[in-house]
Amino acid sequence: MPKGKSFDEILSDAERLVRVWTANEDLALGDVTLISFQTQVAAWKTKRESVEALRTQLTRGVDEVNDQASAIRAINTRALSGARAQYGPDSAQYAQLGGTRASERKPRKKKTPKS
């Protein structure tokens, strides 16, 4: 996006230029004509609408992927808990699913009071 102005401000400025140019047909901007400018503005508006539609699709797609990831993560958690319940916290199956076997855990160290 151009620095300093929003798309709405640019469009507003362009529409104002078209109104003034239409009222003053002798306005000259070198090789730019009123019709070519109107065509350029119309093409820009169409492209902007297309980009906004793609942005909406992307947002929907990202949300769907995130929802699916959450569902899969929940099943993975259930599987880990199920393996722990069925085979025990020190089983190979529990470790294969990503759990830390009870025999591999480090014992907690007591905190020493500060003096």
N, C-alpha and C. Protein backbone atom coordinates (compact mmCIF):
# COMPACT_ATOMS: atom_id res chain seq x y z
N MET A 1 0.84 -1.17 0.00
CA MET A 1 0.00 0.00 0.00
C MET A 1 0.89 1.24 0.00
N PRO A 2 0.50 2.26 -0.77
CA PRO A 2 1.28 3.49 -0.77
C PRO A 2 1.34 4.09 0.63
N LYS A 3 2.47 4.68 0.93
CA LYS A 3 2.65 5.23 2.26
C LYS A 3 1.82 6.49 2.44
N GLY A 4 1.23 6.63 3.63
CA GLY A 4 0.57 7.87 4.01
C GLY A 4 -0.90 7.96 3.71
N LYS A 5 -1.43 7.17 2.79
CA LYS A 5 -2.85 7.26 2.47
C LYS A 5 -3.47 5.87 2.44
N SER A 6 -4.70 5.78 2.91
CA SER A 6 -5.41 4.51 2.86
C SER A 6 -6.02 4.35 1.47
N PHE A 7 -6.47 3.14 1.17
CA PHE A 7 -7.12 2.89 -0.11
C PHE A 7 -8.36 3.76 -0.27
N ASP A 8 -9.10 3.93 0.80
CA ASP A 8 -10.31 4.75 0.74
C ASP A 8 -9.98 6.20 0.44
N GLU A 9 -8.90 6.71 1.01
CA GLU A 9 -8.49 8.09 0.74
C GLU A 9 -8.04 8.25 -0.71
N ILE A 10 -7.32 7.27 -1.23
CA ILE A 10 -6.87 7.31 -2.62
C ILE A 10 -8.08 7.29 -3.55
N LEU A 11 -9.05 6.42 -3.27
CA LEU A 11 -10.25 6.34 -4.09
C LEU A 11 -11.04 7.64 -4.03
N SER A 12 -11.16 8.20 -2.84
CA SER A 12 -11.87 9.47 -2.69
C SER A 12 -11.20 10.57 -3.50
N ASP A 13 -9.86 10.63 -3.44
CA ASP A 13 -9.13 11.63 -4.21
C ASP A 13 -9.32 11.42 -5.71
N ALA A 14 -9.31 10.16 -6.15
CA ALA A 14 -9.49 9.85 -7.57
C ALA A 14 -10.89 10.24 -8.04
N GLU A 15 -11.90 9.96 -7.22
CA GLU A 15 -13.28 10.32 -7.59
C GLU A 15 -13.45 11.83 -7.65
N ARG A 16 -12.79 12.53 -6.75
CA ARG A 16 -12.83 14.00 -6.76
C ARG A 16 -12.18 14.52 -8.04
N LEU A 17 -11.04 13.94 -8.42
CA LEU A 17 -10.37 14.35 -9.65
C LEU A 17 -11.26 14.13 -10.86
N VAL A 18 -11.95 12.99 -10.92
CA VAL A 18 -12.84 12.70 -12.04
C VAL A 18 -13.96 13.73 -12.10
N ARG A 19 -14.54 14.08 -10.95
CA ARG A 19 -15.62 15.09 -10.93
C ARG A 19 -15.12 16.44 -11.45
N VAL A 20 -13.97 16.87 -10.96
CA VAL A 20 -13.42 18.16 -11.39
C VAL A 20 -13.04 18.10 -12.87
N TRP A 21 -12.44 17.00 -13.30
CA TRP A 21 -12.01 16.86 -14.67
C TRP A 21 -13.21 16.84 -15.62
N THR A 22 -14.29 16.19 -15.19
CA THR A 22 -15.51 16.14 -16.00
C THR A 22 -16.09 17.55 -16.15
N ALA A 23 -16.05 18.33 -15.08
CA ALA A 23 -16.59 19.70 -15.13
C ALA A 23 -15.66 20.64 -15.90
N ASN A 24 -14.39 20.31 -15.99
CA ASN A 24 -13.40 21.16 -16.66
C ASN A 24 -12.64 20.31 -17.68
N GLU A 25 -13.27 20.08 -18.82
CA GLU A 25 -12.72 19.19 -19.82
C GLU A 25 -11.39 19.67 -20.41
N ASP A 26 -11.05 20.94 -20.21
CA ASP A 26 -9.79 21.45 -20.75
C ASP A 26 -8.60 21.16 -19.83
N LEU A 27 -8.85 20.48 -18.70
CA LEU A 27 -7.76 20.11 -17.79
C LEU A 27 -6.83 19.15 -18.52
N ALA A 28 -5.54 19.45 -18.51
CA ALA A 28 -4.57 18.64 -19.23
C ALA A 28 -3.55 18.07 -18.25
N LEU A 29 -3.33 16.77 -18.35
CA LEU A 29 -2.34 16.09 -17.51
C LEU A 29 -1.36 15.33 -18.39
N GLY A 30 -0.87 15.98 -19.42
CA GLY A 30 0.10 15.33 -20.31
C GLY A 30 -0.56 14.23 -21.11
N ASP A 31 -0.01 13.04 -21.04
CA ASP A 31 -0.54 11.93 -21.83
C ASP A 31 -1.68 11.18 -21.13
N VAL A 32 -2.08 11.63 -19.95
CA VAL A 32 -3.18 10.99 -19.22
C VAL A 32 -4.49 11.67 -19.64
N THR A 33 -5.44 10.85 -20.08
CA THR A 33 -6.75 11.38 -20.44
C THR A 33 -7.76 11.00 -19.36
N LEU A 34 -8.89 11.67 -19.39
CA LEU A 34 -9.95 11.35 -18.41
C LEU A 34 -10.37 9.90 -18.54
N ILE A 35 -10.54 9.44 -19.77
CA ILE A 35 -11.00 8.05 -19.98
C ILE A 35 -9.93 7.06 -19.52
N SER A 36 -8.67 7.33 -19.82
CA SER A 36 -7.62 6.40 -19.38
C SER A 36 -7.51 6.37 -17.86
N PHE A 37 -7.71 7.52 -17.24
CA PHE A 37 -7.67 7.58 -15.77
C PHE A 37 -8.84 6.81 -15.17
N GLN A 38 -10.04 7.00 -15.72
CA GLN A 38 -11.22 6.28 -15.23
C GLN A 38 -11.04 4.77 -15.41
N THR A 39 -10.44 4.37 -16.50
CA THR A 39 -10.17 2.95 -16.75
C THR A 39 -9.18 2.40 -15.72
N GLN A 40 -8.15 3.19 -15.44
CA GLN A 40 -7.16 2.77 -14.46
C GLN A 40 -7.77 2.65 -13.07
N VAL A 41 -8.63 3.59 -12.71
CA VAL A 41 -9.30 3.54 -11.40
C VAL A 41 -10.22 2.33 -11.32
N ALA A 42 -10.97 2.07 -12.39
CA ALA A 42 -11.88 0.92 -12.40
C ALA A 42 -11.09 -0.39 -12.30
N ALA A 43 -9.96 -0.49 -13.00
CA ALA A 43 -9.14 -1.71 -12.92
C ALA A 43 -8.58 -1.88 -11.51
N TRP A 44 -8.17 -0.79 -10.89
CA TRP A 44 -7.64 -0.85 -9.52
C TRP A 44 -8.72 -1.31 -8.55
N LYS A 45 -9.94 -0.78 -8.69
CA LYS A 45 -11.04 -1.19 -7.80
C LYS A 45 -11.35 -2.67 -7.96
N THR A 46 -11.34 -3.15 -9.20
CA THR A 46 -11.59 -4.57 -9.46
C THR A 46 -10.51 -5.44 -8.83
N LYS A 47 -9.25 -5.03 -9.01
CA LYS A 47 -8.14 -5.79 -8.43
C LYS A 47 -8.21 -5.79 -6.91
N ARG A 48 -8.58 -4.64 -6.34
CA ARG A 48 -8.70 -4.54 -4.87
C ARG A 48 -9.79 -5.47 -4.35
N GLU A 49 -10.93 -5.52 -5.05
CA GLU A 49 -12.01 -6.42 -4.65
C GLU A 49 -11.55 -7.88 -4.74
N SER A 50 -10.77 -8.20 -5.78
CA SER A 50 -10.25 -9.54 -5.94
C SER A 50 -9.31 -9.90 -4.79
N VAL A 51 -8.45 -8.97 -4.41
CA VAL A 51 -7.53 -9.21 -3.29
C VAL A 51 -8.30 -9.40 -2.00
N GLU A 52 -9.33 -8.61 -1.78
CA GLU A 52 -10.13 -8.75 -0.56
C GLU A 52 -10.84 -10.11 -0.53
N ALA A 53 -11.31 -10.57 -1.68
CA ALA A 53 -11.96 -11.90 -1.74
C ALA A 53 -10.94 -12.99 -1.42
N LEU A 54 -9.73 -12.86 -1.96
CA LEU A 54 -8.68 -13.83 -1.66
C LEU A 54 -8.30 -13.80 -0.19
N ARG A 55 -8.26 -12.61 0.39
CA ARG A 55 -7.94 -12.48 1.81
C ARG A 55 -9.00 -13.18 2.66
N THR A 56 -10.26 -13.05 2.26
CA THR A 56 -11.34 -13.72 2.98
C THR A 56 -11.20 -15.24 2.86
N GLN A 57 -10.87 -15.72 1.66
CA GLN A 57 -10.66 -17.16 1.47
C GLN A 57 -9.49 -17.65 2.30
N LEU A 58 -8.42 -16.88 2.33
CA LEU A 58 -7.24 -17.27 3.10
C LEU A 58 -7.58 -17.34 4.59
N THR A 59 -8.30 -16.35 5.09
CA THR A 59 -8.68 -16.34 6.49
C THR A 59 -9.54 -17.57 6.83
N ARG A 60 -10.49 -17.87 5.96
CA ARG A 60 -11.34 -19.04 6.18
C ARG A 60 -10.50 -20.32 6.15
N GLY A 61 -9.57 -20.42 5.19
CA GLY A 61 -8.71 -21.60 5.08
C GLY A 61 -7.83 -21.77 6.31
N VAL A 62 -7.25 -20.68 6.79
CA VAL A 62 -6.40 -20.74 7.99
C VAL A 62 -7.22 -21.17 9.19
N ASP A 63 -8.43 -20.63 9.33
CA ASP A 63 -9.30 -21.03 10.44
C ASP A 63 -9.64 -22.52 10.37
N GLU A 64 -9.92 -23.01 9.17
CA GLU A 64 -10.24 -24.44 9.02
C GLU A 64 -9.04 -25.31 9.37
N VAL A 65 -7.85 -24.91 8.92
CA VAL A 65 -6.64 -25.68 9.24
C VAL A 65 -6.40 -25.67 10.75
N ASN A 66 -6.57 -24.52 11.38
CA ASN A 66 -6.38 -24.44 12.84
C ASN A 66 -7.39 -25.30 13.58
N ASP A 67 -8.65 -25.32 13.12
CA ASP A 67 -9.66 -26.16 13.75
C ASP A 67 -9.31 -27.64 13.62
N GLN A 68 -8.84 -28.03 12.43
CA GLN A 68 -8.45 -29.43 12.22
C GLN A 68 -7.24 -29.79 13.09
N ALA A 69 -6.29 -28.86 13.20
CA ALA A 69 -5.12 -29.11 14.04
C ALA A 69 -5.53 -29.30 15.50
N SER A 70 -6.47 -28.49 15.96
CA SER A 70 -6.95 -28.63 17.34
C SER A 70 -7.61 -29.98 17.56
N ALA A 71 -8.40 -30.41 16.58
CA ALA A 71 -9.07 -31.71 16.70
C ALA A 71 -8.04 -32.85 16.74
N ILE A 72 -7.04 -32.77 15.88
CA ILE A 72 -6.00 -33.80 15.86
C ILE A 72 -5.19 -33.78 17.14
N ARG A 73 -4.88 -32.59 17.63
CA ARG A 73 -4.12 -32.47 18.88
C ARG A 73 -4.90 -33.10 20.05
N ALA A 74 -6.22 -32.86 20.06
CA ALA A 74 -7.05 -33.43 21.12
C ALA A 74 -7.03 -34.96 21.07
N ILE A 75 -7.07 -35.53 19.85
CA ILE A 75 -7.03 -36.99 19.71
C ILE A 75 -5.66 -37.52 20.15
N ASN A 76 -4.59 -36.79 19.78
CA ASN A 76 -3.24 -37.22 20.22
C ASN A 76 -3.15 -37.23 21.74
N THR A 77 -3.70 -36.22 22.39
CA THR A 77 -3.68 -36.16 23.85
C THR A 77 -4.48 -37.31 24.45
N ARG A 78 -5.65 -37.59 23.85
CA ARG A 78 -6.45 -38.71 24.32
C ARG A 78 -5.71 -40.02 24.16
N ALA A 79 -4.99 -40.19 23.04
CA ALA A 79 -4.24 -41.42 22.79
C ALA A 79 -3.13 -41.58 23.82
N LEU A 80 -2.43 -40.51 24.14
CA LEU A 80 -1.36 -40.57 25.13
C LEU A 80 -1.93 -40.94 26.51
N SER A 81 -3.06 -40.31 26.86
CA SER A 81 -3.70 -40.64 28.14
C SER A 81 -4.21 -42.08 28.15
N GLY A 82 -4.76 -42.52 27.01
CA GLY A 82 -5.26 -43.88 26.90
C GLY A 82 -4.14 -44.91 27.04
N ALA A 83 -3.00 -44.63 26.40
CA ALA A 83 -1.86 -45.55 26.51
C ALA A 83 -1.34 -45.58 27.94
N ARG A 84 -1.32 -44.44 28.59
CA ARG A 84 -0.87 -44.39 29.98
C ARG A 84 -1.82 -45.21 30.87
N ALA A 85 -3.13 -45.08 30.61
CA ALA A 85 -4.11 -45.81 31.41
C ALA A 85 -4.08 -47.31 31.11
N GLN A 86 -3.96 -47.66 29.85
CA GLN A 86 -4.03 -49.07 29.46
C GLN A 86 -2.71 -49.82 29.69
N TYR A 87 -1.60 -49.21 29.35
CA TYR A 87 -0.31 -49.91 29.42
C TYR A 87 0.55 -49.47 30.60
N GLY A 88 0.23 -48.33 31.21
CA GLY A 88 0.98 -47.85 32.36
C GLY A 88 1.94 -46.73 31.98
N PRO A 89 2.32 -45.92 32.99
CA PRO A 89 3.18 -44.76 32.72
C PRO A 89 4.64 -45.12 32.45
N ASP A 90 5.00 -46.39 32.61
CA ASP A 90 6.39 -46.79 32.36
C ASP A 90 6.48 -47.74 31.16
N SER A 91 5.44 -47.74 30.32
CA SER A 91 5.39 -48.70 29.21
C SER A 91 6.08 -48.16 27.96
N ALA A 92 6.46 -49.08 27.11
CA ALA A 92 7.07 -48.71 25.82
C ALA A 92 6.05 -48.02 24.92
N GLN A 93 4.80 -48.47 24.99
CA GLN A 93 3.75 -47.87 24.16
C GLN A 93 3.55 -46.39 24.52
N TYR A 94 3.57 -46.10 25.80
CA TYR A 94 3.43 -44.72 26.28
C TYR A 94 4.60 -43.88 25.75
N ALA A 95 5.80 -44.41 25.79
CA ALA A 95 6.98 -43.70 25.30
C ALA A 95 6.91 -43.54 23.78
N GLN A 96 6.41 -44.55 23.07
CA GLN A 96 6.31 -44.47 21.61
C GLN A 96 5.37 -43.35 21.17
N LEU A 97 4.37 -43.05 21.98
CA LEU A 97 3.43 -41.97 21.66
C LEU A 97 3.92 -40.60 22.10
N GLY A 98 5.11 -40.56 22.69
CA GLY A 98 5.68 -39.26 23.06
C GLY A 98 5.68 -38.97 24.53
N GLY A 99 5.20 -39.88 25.35
CA GLY A 99 5.22 -39.68 26.79
C GLY A 99 6.60 -39.97 27.37
N THR A 100 6.87 -39.41 28.51
CA THR A 100 8.13 -39.69 29.20
C THR A 100 7.86 -40.79 30.22
N ARG A 101 8.56 -41.89 30.06
CA ARG A 101 8.36 -43.02 30.96
C ARG A 101 8.68 -42.61 32.39
N ALA A 102 7.94 -43.19 33.32
CA ALA A 102 8.11 -42.86 34.74
C ALA A 102 9.53 -43.14 35.20
N SER A 103 10.14 -44.19 34.69
CA SER A 103 11.50 -44.54 35.12
C SER A 103 12.55 -43.57 34.56
N GLU A 104 12.18 -42.80 33.55
CA GLU A 104 13.11 -41.86 32.95
C GLU A 104 12.97 -40.45 33.51
N ARG A 105 12.00 -40.25 34.35
CA ARG A 105 11.81 -38.92 34.94
C ARG A 105 12.84 -38.69 36.04
N LYS A 106 13.32 -37.46 36.09
CA LYS A 106 14.25 -37.10 37.16
C LYS A 106 13.45 -36.81 38.42
N PRO A 107 13.95 -37.23 39.56
CA PRO A 107 13.23 -36.92 40.80
C PRO A 107 13.31 -35.42 41.08
N ARG A 108 12.26 -34.94 41.70
CA ARG A 108 12.24 -33.52 42.07
C ARG A 108 13.25 -33.26 43.17
N LYS A 109 13.89 -32.14 43.08
CA LYS A 109 14.81 -31.74 44.13
C LYS A 109 14.10 -30.78 45.05
N LYS A 110 14.35 -30.96 46.34
CA LYS A 110 13.74 -30.06 47.31
C LYS A 110 14.41 -28.70 47.23
N LYS A 111 13.58 -27.69 47.37
CA LYS A 111 14.14 -26.34 47.39
C LYS A 111 14.79 -26.09 48.75
N THR A 112 15.95 -25.53 48.70
CA THR A 112 16.62 -25.19 49.96
C THR A 112 16.20 -23.79 50.35
N PRO A 113 15.81 -23.64 51.62
CA PRO A 113 15.40 -22.29 52.05
C PRO A 113 16.58 -21.35 52.05
N LYS A 114 16.31 -20.13 51.65
CA LYS A 114 17.36 -19.10 51.65
C LYS A 114 17.57 -18.62 53.07
N SER A 115 18.82 -18.42 53.42
CA SER A 115 19.08 -17.93 54.77
C SER A 115 19.72 -16.58 54.75
